[in-house]
Amino acid sequence: MDTVKMAKDLYQDIVKWRRDLHQIPEIGLDLEQTSAYIRSELDRMDIPYRPAARSGIVGLIEGGQPGSTLALRADMDGLPIKEETGLPFASTNGNMHACGHDAHMAMLLGAAKMLCSIRSSIKGNVKLLFQPGEEGYFGAAKMIEDGCLEEPPVDAVAGLHVGQIFPELKPGQLGVCKGPILAAATKFEVTVKGESTHGALPHLGVDAITVASEIILSLQKIVSREMDPLHPAVFTIGQIQGGEAHNIITPRVIFGGDFRTLYEEDRRFITDRLHKMCESVAAANRAEAEVNMLGGYPPTVNDPEFTDRFIESASRVVGSQNIVNIQKPNMGTEDMSFYLEKVPGVFFVIGTGNENKNIVYPHHNARFDVDEEALWVGPAVFTRLALDYLQ
């Protein structure tokens, strides 16, 4: 089965899907237009589906013979960014597909159409997971809660991402690694409680701003002075709120942020030190600190055995010379991680940046774009993987 030829024959359809979807980006879990568009295309392909995670879609391609079930996933949501690409098909609704999810959906539709054309020869099933709410809305977790990995139970899962996540990738090359490829993100919020007084009489109160400042500076030492320097970690304070007037010592400051880790033991360690540091520094300054952990995304960890299978299949599509072993995981996050916690699988990246076309802007930038000439790769690899795995 020549999946390369099949995907290249579908190239114009893939580009059209991507451009249509690029014009209607929506945010979070409520993707009414986007979901309707995907459903209409699945109807044309005669693929049954059901809803999940509010606007998500779980499609099912049943093969002609019984067997295992492989899930293929694409995220669907955009970002609240006003587009500045100048593309003729640019979004005009104030949102933007600035992370490539339009391309992800188009490539999964391409794989769906290819697999449909040969479904009678497939041994097993392919599930299509069109998922909302990847950008911080826990869409994957909600898809799982709604049973996307059941009926029939999923045995393995694969997902992809486009863009310049790993700059070493040339257009059309694949980046993958065994084990962690993206980090975990753990959000938190800290409330510092002092005692209000007049700015001229600081000794009669407890300055929550000063205490919060000391806590924030202390927290920065967790990574730089308490962790193994060979274990990547990032600690960020991204928000701080407090104060009523220039001459009032405020009794309350709230700050928050997140930390990124690749290893579970590091996540537990930072969580423990975060609590102890906030509470002890506050107590030393006659204040109180309450730490509220807000959850987050686990690390995106590729199953080694399934990754080997993926590399073997992908090599048949792009050649082994175009598969790059990622040496340094990215500290960004992906809620593909929730699926990979449940079943073995792989998350890989397709290089879609191109300096010759000035496609150089990073994800979440108002000028982000993808080199459409690489869009045939996703469907070809997805389809090849499905055929090989299900055999």
Protein backbone atom coordinates (compact mmCIF):
# COMPACT_ATOMS: atom_id res chain seq x y z
CA MET A 1 0.00 0.00 0.00
CA ASP A 2 1.67 3.23 -1.18
CA THR A 3 0.55 5.70 1.46
CA VAL A 4 2.87 8.39 0.09
CA LYS A 5 1.11 8.39 -3.27
CA MET A 6 -2.30 8.26 -1.60
CA ALA A 7 -1.47 11.26 0.59
CA LYS A 8 0.00 13.30 -2.25
CA ASP A 9 -3.08 12.57 -4.37
CA LEU A 10 -5.13 14.09 -1.51
CA TYR A 11 -2.86 17.12 -1.14
CA GLN A 12 -5.31 19.68 -2.52
CA ASP A 13 -8.04 18.42 -0.20
CA ILE A 14 -5.71 18.61 2.79
CA VAL A 15 -4.76 22.20 1.96
CA LYS A 16 -8.40 23.17 1.47
CA TRP A 17 -9.39 21.67 4.83
CA ARG A 18 -6.54 23.46 6.54
CA ARG A 19 -7.42 26.83 4.98
CA ASP A 20 -11.14 26.48 5.66
CA LEU A 21 -10.47 25.64 9.31
CA HIS A 22 -7.86 28.38 9.60
CA GLN A 23 -10.57 30.97 8.95
CA ILE A 24 -12.86 29.88 11.81
CA PRO A 25 -10.68 29.46 14.93
CA GLU A 26 -12.56 29.04 18.19
CA ILE A 27 -11.44 28.91 21.81
CA GLY A 28 -11.58 26.25 24.49
CA LEU A 29 -14.20 23.52 24.59
CA ASP A 30 -17.02 25.23 22.68
CA LEU A 31 -16.02 24.92 19.03
CA GLU A 32 -19.38 25.04 17.30
CA GLN A 33 -18.27 25.96 13.77
CA THR A 34 -15.13 23.85 13.85
CA SER A 35 -16.95 20.78 15.12
CA ALA A 36 -19.71 21.21 12.53
CA TYR A 37 -17.11 21.40 9.75
CA ILE A 38 -15.37 18.20 10.89
CA ARG A 39 -18.66 16.36 11.28
CA SER A 40 -19.74 17.34 7.76
CA GLU A 41 -16.52 15.95 6.31
CA LEU A 42 -16.86 12.71 8.27
CA ASP A 43 -20.44 12.43 6.98
CA ARG A 44 -19.12 12.68 3.42
CA MET A 45 -16.69 9.87 4.19
CA ASP A 46 -19.45 7.77 5.78
CA ILE A 47 -17.54 7.55 9.07
CA PRO A 48 -19.73 7.14 12.18
CA TYR A 49 -18.91 9.33 15.16
CA ARG A 50 -20.16 10.44 18.55
CA PRO A 51 -19.62 13.56 20.68
CA ALA A 52 -17.20 13.93 23.58
CA ALA A 53 -15.88 16.82 25.68
CA ARG A 54 -18.73 19.09 24.54
CA SER A 55 -17.59 19.81 20.97
CA GLY A 56 -15.13 16.96 20.51
CA ILE A 57 -15.66 14.11 18.07
CA VAL A 58 -14.81 10.42 18.31
CA GLY A 59 -14.91 8.79 14.90
CA LEU A 60 -14.57 5.06 14.28
CA ILE A 61 -13.31 3.28 11.18
CA GLU A 62 -14.05 -0.42 11.57
CA GLY A 63 -11.86 -2.73 9.54
CA GLY A 64 -13.01 -5.74 7.62
CA GLN A 65 -11.40 -8.11 10.12
CA PRO A 66 -11.29 -8.10 13.94
CA GLY A 67 -8.17 -6.87 15.65
CA SER A 68 -6.64 -4.17 17.82
CA THR A 69 -7.69 -0.51 17.96
CA LEU A 70 -5.36 2.40 17.24
CA ALA A 71 -6.41 5.97 18.08
CA LEU A 72 -5.20 8.95 16.04
CA ARG A 73 -5.58 12.36 17.66
CA ALA A 74 -5.80 15.97 16.46
CA ASP A 75 -6.51 19.01 18.64
CA MET A 76 -9.02 21.57 17.36
CA ASP A 77 -8.92 24.83 19.34
CA GLY A 78 -7.34 28.14 18.45
CA LEU A 79 -6.00 31.04 20.51
CA PRO A 80 -7.29 34.52 21.43
CA ILE A 81 -4.74 36.22 19.17
CA LYS A 82 -5.47 38.70 16.39
CA GLU A 83 -3.87 37.32 13.24
CA GLU A 84 -1.20 39.34 11.43
CA THR A 85 -0.06 36.90 8.73
CA GLY A 86 -1.65 38.72 5.81
CA LEU A 87 -2.71 35.37 4.34
CA PRO A 88 -5.68 35.49 1.94
CA PHE A 89 -7.44 32.94 4.17
CA ALA A 90 -6.54 34.67 7.46
CA SER A 91 -8.96 34.62 10.36
CA THR A 92 -11.06 37.74 10.84
CA ASN A 93 -12.94 36.80 14.03
CA GLY A 94 -10.27 37.98 16.48
CA ASN A 95 -8.96 34.48 17.18
CA MET A 96 -6.19 32.60 15.40
CA HIS A 97 -4.88 29.13 14.74
CA ALA A 98 -1.46 30.24 15.96
CA CYS A 99 -0.42 26.77 17.10
CA GLY A 100 -1.13 24.73 13.97
CA HIS A 101 -4.24 22.91 15.12
CA ASP A 102 -5.87 23.71 11.77
CA ALA A 103 -3.13 21.66 10.10
CA HIS A 104 -3.54 18.87 12.65
CA MET A 105 -7.25 18.55 11.87
CA ALA A 106 -6.65 18.65 8.12
CA MET A 107 -4.03 15.91 8.32
CA LEU A 108 -6.26 13.68 10.44
CA LEU A 109 -9.09 14.19 7.95
CA GLY A 110 -6.63 13.14 5.23
CA ALA A 111 -5.71 9.99 7.12
CA ALA A 112 -9.40 9.26 7.71
CA LYS A 113 -10.18 9.51 4.00
CA MET A 114 -7.23 7.29 3.09
CA LEU A 115 -8.13 4.65 5.67
CA CYS A 116 -11.78 4.72 4.61
CA SER A 117 -10.81 3.85 1.07
CA ILE A 118 -9.17 0.62 2.27
CA ARG A 119 -11.23 -0.13 5.37
CA SER A 120 -12.24 -3.60 4.20
CA SER A 121 -8.59 -4.69 4.29
CA ILE A 122 -7.89 -3.25 7.75
CA LYS A 123 -7.50 -5.74 10.58
CA GLY A 124 -8.96 -3.99 13.59
CA ASN A 125 -10.18 -0.43 14.11
CA VAL A 126 -8.96 3.13 13.89
CA LYS A 127 -10.42 5.76 16.21
CA LEU A 128 -10.30 9.40 15.21
CA LEU A 129 -10.00 11.75 18.19
CA PHE A 130 -10.84 15.33 17.23
CA GLN A 131 -10.23 17.04 20.56
CA PRO A 132 -11.16 20.54 21.79
CA GLY A 133 -9.54 22.47 24.60
CA GLU A 134 -5.86 21.59 24.28
CA GLU A 135 -4.77 25.15 25.10
CA GLY A 136 -5.18 24.93 28.85
CA TYR A 137 -8.73 23.54 29.05
CA PHE A 138 -7.85 19.89 29.81
CA GLY A 139 -9.65 18.76 26.66
CA ALA A 140 -7.86 15.40 26.49
CA ALA A 141 -8.79 14.57 30.10
CA LYS A 142 -12.42 15.42 29.33
CA MET A 143 -12.35 13.26 26.18
CA ILE A 144 -11.10 10.35 28.30
CA GLU A 145 -13.79 11.00 30.94
CA ASP A 146 -16.36 10.76 28.14
CA GLY A 147 -15.06 7.34 27.12
CA CYS A 148 -13.01 8.11 24.00
CA LEU A 149 -10.63 5.26 24.84
CA GLU A 150 -13.46 2.75 25.31
CA GLU A 151 -15.99 0.91 23.11
CA PRO A 152 -13.87 -0.49 21.60
CA PRO A 153 -10.94 -0.13 24.00
CA VAL A 154 -7.92 1.62 22.53
CA ASP A 155 -4.68 -0.37 22.49
CA ALA A 156 -2.35 2.42 21.34
CA VAL A 157 -2.49 6.10 20.38
CA ALA A 158 -0.56 8.49 18.13
CA GLY A 159 -0.60 12.25 17.81
CA LEU A 160 1.41 14.88 15.99
CA HIS A 161 2.34 18.56 16.09
CA VAL A 162 3.55 20.95 13.42
CA GLY A 163 5.79 24.00 13.66
CA GLN A 164 9.17 24.97 15.04
CA ILE A 165 8.98 23.19 18.41
CA PHE A 166 12.35 21.64 17.59
CA PRO A 167 14.30 24.01 15.30
CA GLU A 168 16.61 21.24 14.12
CA LEU A 169 13.80 19.83 11.97
CA LYS A 170 13.81 20.77 8.31
CA PRO A 171 10.49 21.03 6.39
CA GLY A 172 8.83 17.62 6.22
CA GLN A 173 11.20 15.94 8.66
CA LEU A 174 9.89 14.07 11.69
CA GLY A 175 11.14 14.59 15.23
CA VAL A 176 10.58 11.91 17.87
CA CYS A 177 12.24 10.35 20.89
CA LYS A 178 11.69 7.56 23.38
CA GLY A 179 10.54 8.69 26.80
CA PRO A 180 9.74 12.34 27.65
CA ILE A 181 9.42 14.66 24.67
CA LEU A 182 7.55 17.52 26.39
CA ALA A 183 7.38 18.61 30.00
CA ALA A 184 4.75 18.53 32.72
CA ALA A 185 3.27 21.87 33.79
CA THR A 186 1.99 22.32 37.34
CA LYS A 187 0.08 25.49 38.18
CA PHE A 188 -0.12 27.06 41.61
CA GLU A 189 -1.39 30.15 43.43
CA VAL A 190 -0.11 31.60 46.69
CA THR A 191 -1.98 33.97 48.99
CA VAL A 192 0.15 35.97 51.41
CA LYS A 193 -1.73 37.39 54.41
CA GLY A 194 -0.32 40.26 56.45
CA GLU A 195 -1.89 43.12 58.38
CA SER A 196 -2.89 46.51 57.01
CA THR A 197 -1.61 49.82 58.40
CA HIS A 198 -0.72 53.34 57.33
CA GLY A 199 2.38 53.60 55.15
CA ALA A 200 3.95 55.93 57.72
CA LEU A 201 3.54 53.35 60.51
CA PRO A 202 4.90 50.08 59.10
CA HIS A 203 5.72 48.67 62.54
CA LEU A 204 2.01 48.45 63.32
CA GLY A 205 1.27 46.08 60.41
CA VAL A 206 2.71 43.24 58.36
CA ASP A 207 3.60 44.21 54.80
CA ALA A 208 2.27 41.46 52.50
CA ILE A 209 4.09 42.96 49.50
CA THR A 210 7.49 42.75 51.17
CA VAL A 211 6.79 39.21 52.37
CA ALA A 212 5.58 38.10 48.94
CA SER A 213 8.68 39.59 47.35
CA GLU A 214 10.95 37.66 49.69
CA ILE A 215 9.03 34.44 49.02
CA ILE A 216 9.24 34.91 45.24
CA LEU A 217 12.99 35.44 45.34
CA SER A 218 13.43 32.40 47.59
CA LEU A 219 11.39 30.20 45.25
CA GLN A 220 13.77 30.93 42.39
CA LYS A 221 16.48 29.06 44.30
CA ILE A 222 14.61 25.75 44.15
CA VAL A 223 15.78 25.07 40.61
CA SER A 224 19.14 26.85 40.76
CA ARG A 225 20.31 25.50 44.13
CA GLU A 226 18.28 22.46 45.14
CA MET A 227 17.81 20.36 42.01
CA ASP A 228 20.04 18.10 39.96
CA PRO A 229 21.32 20.40 37.18
CA LEU A 230 21.05 17.50 34.72
CA HIS A 231 17.27 17.37 35.28
CA PRO A 232 15.59 20.16 33.27
CA ALA A 233 13.15 22.32 35.21
CA VAL A 234 11.66 25.78 34.83
CA PHE A 235 9.98 27.78 37.60
CA THR A 236 7.94 30.85 36.65
CA ILE A 237 5.96 33.45 38.58
CA GLY A 238 3.61 34.87 35.97
CA GLN A 239 1.09 36.86 38.01
CA ILE A 240 1.10 39.09 41.10
CA GLN A 241 -1.71 41.20 42.53
CA GLY A 242 -1.86 43.36 45.61
CA GLY A 243 -2.08 46.85 47.04
CA GLU A 244 -4.82 49.47 47.45
CA ALA A 245 -2.98 52.81 47.49
CA HIS A 246 0.52 54.25 47.55
CA ASN A 247 0.35 55.05 51.29
CA ILE A 248 -1.30 51.86 52.58
CA ILE A 249 0.58 48.75 53.65
CA THR A 250 -1.54 46.05 52.10
CA PRO A 251 -2.59 42.97 54.07
CA ARG A 252 -2.97 40.65 51.10
CA VAL A 253 -0.99 39.67 47.99
CA ILE A 254 -1.79 36.88 45.55
CA PHE A 255 0.77 35.55 43.10
CA GLY A 256 0.80 32.55 40.83
CA GLY A 257 2.73 30.69 38.17
CA ASP A 258 3.76 27.25 37.10
CA PHE A 259 6.75 24.95 37.00
CA ARG A 260 7.86 22.59 34.26
CA THR A 261 9.46 19.21 34.87
CA LEU A 262 10.23 16.06 32.91
CA TYR A 263 10.33 13.62 35.82
CA GLU A 264 7.63 12.81 38.36
CA GLU A 265 10.07 12.86 41.28
CA ASP A 266 11.05 16.43 40.36
CA ARG A 267 7.41 17.49 40.27
CA ARG A 268 6.86 16.06 43.75
CA PHE A 269 10.05 17.66 45.06
CA ILE A 270 9.19 21.16 43.79
CA THR A 271 5.65 20.85 45.11
CA ASP A 272 6.94 19.99 48.57
CA ARG A 273 9.54 22.78 48.58
CA LEU A 274 6.98 25.30 47.28
CA HIS A 275 4.74 24.65 50.29
CA LYS A 276 7.55 24.66 52.84
CA MET A 277 9.29 27.77 51.50
CA CYS A 278 6.12 29.85 51.26
CA GLU A 279 4.97 28.90 54.74
CA SER A 280 8.33 29.26 56.48
CA VAL A 281 9.33 32.58 54.86
CA ALA A 282 5.91 33.99 55.65
CA ALA A 283 6.11 32.81 59.26
CA ALA A 284 9.56 34.36 59.66
CA ASN A 285 8.00 37.70 58.70
CA ARG A 286 4.93 37.40 60.98
CA ALA A 287 2.68 36.63 57.98
CA GLU A 288 0.81 33.61 56.66
CA ALA A 289 0.95 31.94 53.23
CA GLU A 290 -1.59 29.59 51.70
CA VAL A 291 -0.49 27.51 48.70
CA ASN A 292 -3.14 26.25 46.31
CA MET A 293 -2.05 23.71 43.70
CA LEU A 294 -4.18 24.14 40.58
CA GLY A 295 -3.21 20.99 38.70
CA GLY A 296 -1.72 20.89 35.24
CA TYR A 297 -0.58 18.65 32.40
CA PRO A 298 1.63 15.59 33.02
CA PRO A 299 4.78 15.10 30.92
CA THR A 300 4.30 13.80 27.39
CA VAL A 301 6.11 10.46 27.49
CA ASN A 302 6.49 8.23 24.43
CA ASP A 303 6.36 4.49 24.98
CA PRO A 304 9.79 3.11 23.91
CA GLU A 305 8.47 -0.07 22.28
CA PHE A 306 5.69 1.69 20.38
CA THR A 307 8.10 4.46 19.35
CA ASP A 308 10.33 1.83 17.75
CA ARG A 309 7.31 0.61 15.79
CA PHE A 310 6.48 4.17 14.79
CA ILE A 311 10.02 4.87 13.57
CA GLU A 312 9.96 1.72 11.47
CA SER A 313 6.64 2.70 9.86
CA ALA A 314 7.55 6.37 9.41
CA SER A 315 10.84 5.42 7.77
CA ARG A 316 8.84 3.76 5.01
CA VAL A 317 7.19 7.12 4.33
CA VAL A 318 9.91 9.77 4.67
CA GLY A 319 13.09 7.68 4.82
CA SER A 320 15.19 7.06 7.93
CA GLN A 321 17.39 10.05 7.05
CA ASN A 322 14.39 12.34 7.65
CA ILE A 323 13.62 11.06 11.13
CA VAL A 324 15.42 13.12 13.77
CA ASN A 325 16.04 11.70 17.23
CA ILE A 326 15.18 14.53 19.62
CA GLN A 327 18.08 14.89 22.04
CA LYS A 328 16.66 17.66 24.24
CA PRO A 329 12.98 17.54 25.19
CA ASN A 330 11.07 20.82 24.96
CA MET A 331 9.80 22.34 28.21
CA GLY A 332 6.47 23.16 26.60
CA THR A 333 3.43 21.03 27.40
CA GLU A 334 0.77 19.07 25.53
CA ASP A 335 -2.35 17.39 26.83
CA MET A 336 -1.62 14.47 24.52
CA SER A 337 0.10 13.43 27.75
CA PHE A 338 -3.23 12.35 29.27
CA TYR A 339 -3.76 9.73 26.53
CA LEU A 340 -0.18 8.50 26.87
CA GLU A 341 -0.73 7.96 30.61
CA LYS A 342 -3.54 5.53 29.77
CA VAL A 343 -2.24 3.61 26.75
CA PRO A 344 1.13 3.22 25.02
CA GLY A 345 1.74 5.53 22.12
CA VAL A 346 3.79 8.21 20.44
CA PHE A 347 3.73 11.96 19.97
CA PHE A 348 5.85 13.25 17.10
CA VAL A 349 6.58 16.55 15.40
CA ILE A 350 6.57 17.46 11.72
CA GLY A 351 8.88 20.30 10.73
CA THR A 352 6.80 22.96 8.96
CA GLY A 353 9.01 26.03 9.33
CA ASN A 354 10.79 27.28 6.24
CA GLU A 355 13.22 30.22 6.24
CA ASN A 356 13.09 30.46 2.43
CA LYS A 357 9.37 31.26 2.70
CA ASN A 358 9.76 33.44 5.82
CA ILE A 359 7.81 30.87 7.82
CA VAL A 360 9.93 31.44 10.89
CA TYR A 361 7.60 32.70 13.62
CA PRO A 362 7.09 30.64 16.78
CA HIS A 363 3.89 29.12 18.08
CA HIS A 364 1.41 31.53 19.68
CA ASN A 365 2.75 34.38 17.55
CA ALA A 366 0.38 36.52 15.48
CA ARG A 367 2.43 35.68 12.35
CA PHE A 368 2.72 31.93 12.88
CA ASP A 369 2.26 29.87 9.72
CA VAL A 370 3.09 26.41 8.36
CA ASP A 371 4.70 25.29 5.12
CA GLU A 372 1.77 23.58 3.44
CA GLU A 373 4.06 21.52 1.22
CA ALA A 374 4.72 19.30 4.26
CA LEU A 375 1.05 18.60 4.99
CA TRP A 376 0.93 15.33 3.05
CA VAL A 377 3.41 13.81 5.52
CA GLY A 378 0.99 13.58 8.45
CA PRO A 379 -1.73 11.58 6.66
CA ALA A 380 0.85 9.31 5.01
CA VAL A 381 2.56 8.54 8.32
CA PHE A 382 -0.70 8.11 10.25
CA THR A 383 -2.03 5.70 7.62
CA ARG A 384 1.22 3.73 7.32
CA LEU A 385 1.41 3.42 11.11
CA ALA A 386 -2.18 2.22 11.34
CA LEU A 387 -1.71 -0.42 8.66
CA ASP A 388 1.54 -1.71 10.14
CA TYR A 389 0.38 -1.68 13.74
CA LEU A 390 -2.97 -3.35 13.07
CA GLN A 391 -1.29 -6.13 11.11
